Amino acid sequence: MIIKTDRLVLEPLGTKHFETTCGYSMSLENTKYMCYLPCDSTGEVMQYLEKCERQWKMQQPEYLDAAVILDGVHIGAVSIELLDGGATGELGWILNPDHHGSGYAYEAAAAFMQYFQSRFLLKRFIAHADTENKASVRVMEKLGMRCIGIAGGRKNRCSDEERMECTYELML
């Protein structure tokens, strides 16, 4: 799978992206709003990338992560988890902080949505974010998603504090 947009290339995320994935996934500042990051070690990053490679080889994957490539450089990732028997796709994204604010997360997520809508006939997309993660909220809104709820109980990996989470949805 290779997806091309005006500025980006999306390709299966895997071990060849190890060094650059460490750069954005082990940064406490870059992942402060995330439930499953930052990674604690390079070993954890490698295990995840190996798991990603296995998912891409499966007939019916549970989730898929794509590397976001800009001018030949890996700058982040976009992901989808297939839920509800494949009718719903839960989106996620992360970028190297050097590339925040340029519309790359939106561009990658929109391309991923289009690809999976046609490939898996998804009827619904959802995404979640810490309510303080204004950048991700903007991406979700730009994707045409609408807020369907805000709830407590979110635990970001780098904090013991219980946080608020917003859920966005796009029905097709």
Protein backbone atom coordinates (compact mmCIF):
# COMPACT_ATOMS: atom_id res chain seq x y z
CA MET A 1 0.00 0.00 0.00
CA ILE A 2 1.32 3.38 -1.02
CA ILE A 3 -0.90 6.46 -0.82
CA LYS A 4 0.24 9.72 -2.40
CA THR A 5 -1.17 13.16 -1.66
CA ASP A 6 -0.06 16.54 -2.98
CA ARG A 7 2.80 16.70 -0.47
CA LEU A 8 3.01 13.35 1.28
CA VAL A 9 3.51 9.65 0.76
CA LEU A 10 1.96 7.14 3.16
CA GLU A 11 3.55 3.71 3.36
CA PRO A 12 3.29 0.84 5.85
CA LEU A 13 5.02 1.76 9.11
CA GLY A 14 7.72 -0.71 10.08
CA THR A 15 11.19 -1.33 11.42
CA LYS A 16 12.86 0.69 8.67
CA HIS A 17 11.30 3.75 10.38
CA PHE A 18 12.85 2.90 13.76
CA GLU A 19 15.15 5.87 14.30
CA THR A 20 12.64 8.53 13.26
CA THR A 21 9.80 6.84 15.18
CA CYS A 22 11.96 6.98 18.32
CA GLY A 23 12.38 10.70 17.71
CA TYR A 24 8.70 11.55 17.93
CA SER A 25 7.32 8.69 20.06
CA MET A 26 9.77 8.95 22.96
CA SER A 27 9.41 12.71 23.42
CA LEU A 28 7.44 13.55 26.56
CA GLU A 29 6.54 17.00 25.25
CA ASN A 30 5.34 15.67 21.87
CA THR A 31 3.21 12.91 23.44
CA LYS A 32 1.87 14.62 26.55
CA TYR A 33 -1.74 14.30 25.38
CA MET A 34 -1.51 10.63 24.33
CA CYS A 35 -2.78 7.51 26.11
CA TYR A 36 -0.15 5.03 24.88
CA LEU A 37 2.91 7.25 24.45
CA PRO A 38 5.64 8.20 25.16
CA CYS A 39 7.48 4.94 24.65
CA ASP A 40 9.71 4.07 27.59
CA SER A 41 12.55 2.55 25.59
CA THR A 42 13.89 1.93 22.12
CA GLY A 43 13.00 -1.73 22.69
CA GLU A 44 9.35 -0.77 23.11
CA VAL A 45 9.48 1.22 19.86
CA MET A 46 11.01 -1.74 17.99
CA GLN A 47 8.40 -4.16 19.37
CA TYR A 48 5.63 -1.85 18.22
CA LEU A 49 7.11 -1.47 14.73
CA GLU A 50 7.46 -5.26 14.42
CA LYS A 51 3.82 -5.59 15.46
CA CYS A 52 2.86 -3.02 12.80
CA GLU A 53 4.65 -5.07 10.13
CA ARG A 54 2.75 -8.20 11.18
CA GLN A 55 -0.58 -6.36 10.99
CA TRP A 56 0.11 -5.22 7.41
CA LYS A 57 0.59 -8.88 6.41
CA MET A 58 -2.71 -10.05 7.88
CA GLN A 59 -5.78 -10.78 5.77
CA GLN A 60 -8.00 -9.04 8.35
CA PRO A 61 -5.86 -6.66 10.39
CA GLU A 62 -7.05 -5.11 13.65
CA TYR A 63 -5.21 -1.86 13.02
CA LEU A 64 -2.83 -0.39 10.48
CA ASP A 65 -0.22 2.34 10.88
CA ALA A 66 1.32 4.24 7.98
CA ALA A 67 4.50 6.26 7.96
CA VAL A 68 3.98 9.83 6.82
CA ILE A 69 6.78 10.72 4.39
CA LEU A 70 7.59 14.29 3.31
CA ASP A 71 10.24 14.76 0.63
CA GLY A 72 11.66 11.32 1.41
CA VAL A 73 11.80 11.93 5.19
CA HIS A 74 9.63 10.06 7.71
CA ILE A 75 7.90 12.78 9.78
CA GLY A 76 5.16 10.88 11.60
CA ALA A 77 2.42 8.31 11.41
CA VAL A 78 -1.30 7.96 10.85
CA SER A 79 -3.25 4.96 12.11
CA ILE A 80 -6.61 3.27 11.90
CA GLU A 81 -8.09 0.66 14.19
CA LEU A 82 -10.92 -1.33 12.65
CA LEU A 83 -13.89 -1.66 15.03
CA ASP A 84 -17.47 -2.96 14.91
CA GLY A 85 -16.61 -5.81 12.56
CA GLY A 86 -14.85 -3.41 10.20
CA ALA A 87 -17.69 -0.88 9.93
CA THR A 88 -15.89 1.78 12.00
CA GLY A 89 -12.37 3.13 11.71
CA GLU A 90 -10.77 4.84 14.71
CA LEU A 91 -8.16 7.31 13.49
CA GLY A 92 -5.00 8.54 15.15
CA TRP A 93 -1.94 10.56 14.14
CA ILE A 94 1.37 11.81 15.44
CA LEU A 95 4.03 14.01 13.87
CA ASN A 96 7.55 15.01 14.67
CA PRO A 97 7.16 18.42 16.38
CA ASP A 98 9.30 20.04 13.67
CA HIS A 99 6.35 19.46 11.32
CA HIS A 100 3.44 20.63 13.48
CA GLY A 101 1.18 23.35 12.14
CA SER A 102 1.65 22.69 8.42
CA GLY A 103 -1.50 20.66 7.74
CA TYR A 104 0.33 17.35 7.37
CA ALA A 105 -1.75 15.53 10.02
CA TYR A 106 -4.96 16.56 8.26
CA GLU A 107 -3.61 15.66 4.82
CA ALA A 108 -2.43 12.23 5.97
CA ALA A 109 -5.63 11.45 7.91
CA ALA A 110 -7.87 12.56 5.02
CA ALA A 111 -5.95 10.34 2.58
CA PHE A 112 -6.09 7.40 5.00
CA MET A 113 -9.85 7.89 5.45
CA GLN A 114 -10.43 7.91 1.71
CA TYR A 115 -8.30 4.80 1.20
CA PHE A 116 -10.02 2.81 3.96
CA GLN A 117 -13.49 3.98 3.04
CA SER A 118 -13.04 2.46 -0.41
CA ARG A 119 -11.03 -0.62 0.68
CA PHE A 120 -13.08 -1.66 3.71
CA LEU A 121 -16.39 0.10 2.98
CA LEU A 122 -16.29 1.86 6.34
CA LYS A 123 -19.50 3.60 7.36
CA ARG A 124 -18.10 5.61 10.26
CA PHE A 125 -14.87 7.19 11.45
CA ILE A 126 -14.15 8.23 15.02
CA ALA A 127 -11.23 9.88 16.78
CA HIS A 128 -10.47 10.80 20.39
CA ALA A 129 -8.33 13.53 21.91
CA ASP A 130 -7.49 15.06 25.22
CA THR A 131 -9.69 18.15 25.38
CA GLU A 132 -6.59 20.32 25.76
CA ASN A 133 -5.07 18.99 22.53
CA LYS A 134 -6.40 21.85 20.40
CA ALA A 135 -4.32 20.85 17.36
CA SER A 136 -5.94 17.41 17.16
CA VAL A 137 -9.39 18.89 17.72
CA ARG A 138 -8.77 21.21 14.74
CA VAL A 139 -7.70 18.23 12.59
CA MET A 140 -10.86 16.31 13.51
CA GLU A 141 -13.07 19.29 12.68
CA LYS A 142 -11.26 19.94 9.40
CA LEU A 143 -11.87 16.27 8.50
CA GLY A 144 -15.60 16.98 8.80
CA MET A 145 -16.01 15.18 12.11
CA ARG A 146 -18.30 16.50 14.79
CA CYS A 147 -18.00 16.23 18.54
CA ILE A 148 -20.35 13.57 19.90
CA GLY A 149 -19.23 13.65 23.50
CA ILE A 150 -16.86 14.81 26.19
CA ALA A 151 -16.18 12.57 29.16
CA GLY A 152 -13.74 12.15 32.01
CA GLY A 153 -11.65 9.13 32.78
CA ARG A 154 -8.90 9.63 30.22
CA LYS A 155 -5.44 8.61 31.44
CA ASN A 156 -2.52 9.91 29.44
CA ARG A 157 0.54 7.72 29.83
CA CYS A 158 2.83 10.47 31.10
CA SER A 159 0.43 11.66 33.80
CA ASP A 160 -1.44 10.18 36.75
CA GLU A 161 -4.05 12.92 36.41
CA GLU A 162 -7.49 11.95 35.14
CA ARG A 163 -8.22 14.01 32.02
CA MET A 164 -11.20 14.93 29.86
CA GLU A 165 -11.54 13.37 26.41
CA CYS A 166 -13.56 14.46 23.42
CA THR A 167 -14.89 11.98 20.88
CA TYR A 168 -15.46 13.02 17.28
CA GLU A 169 -17.35 11.14 14.59
CA LEU A 170 -17.99 11.23 10.86
CA MET A 171 -20.85 9.11 9.52
CA LEU A 172 -20.71 8.24 5.83
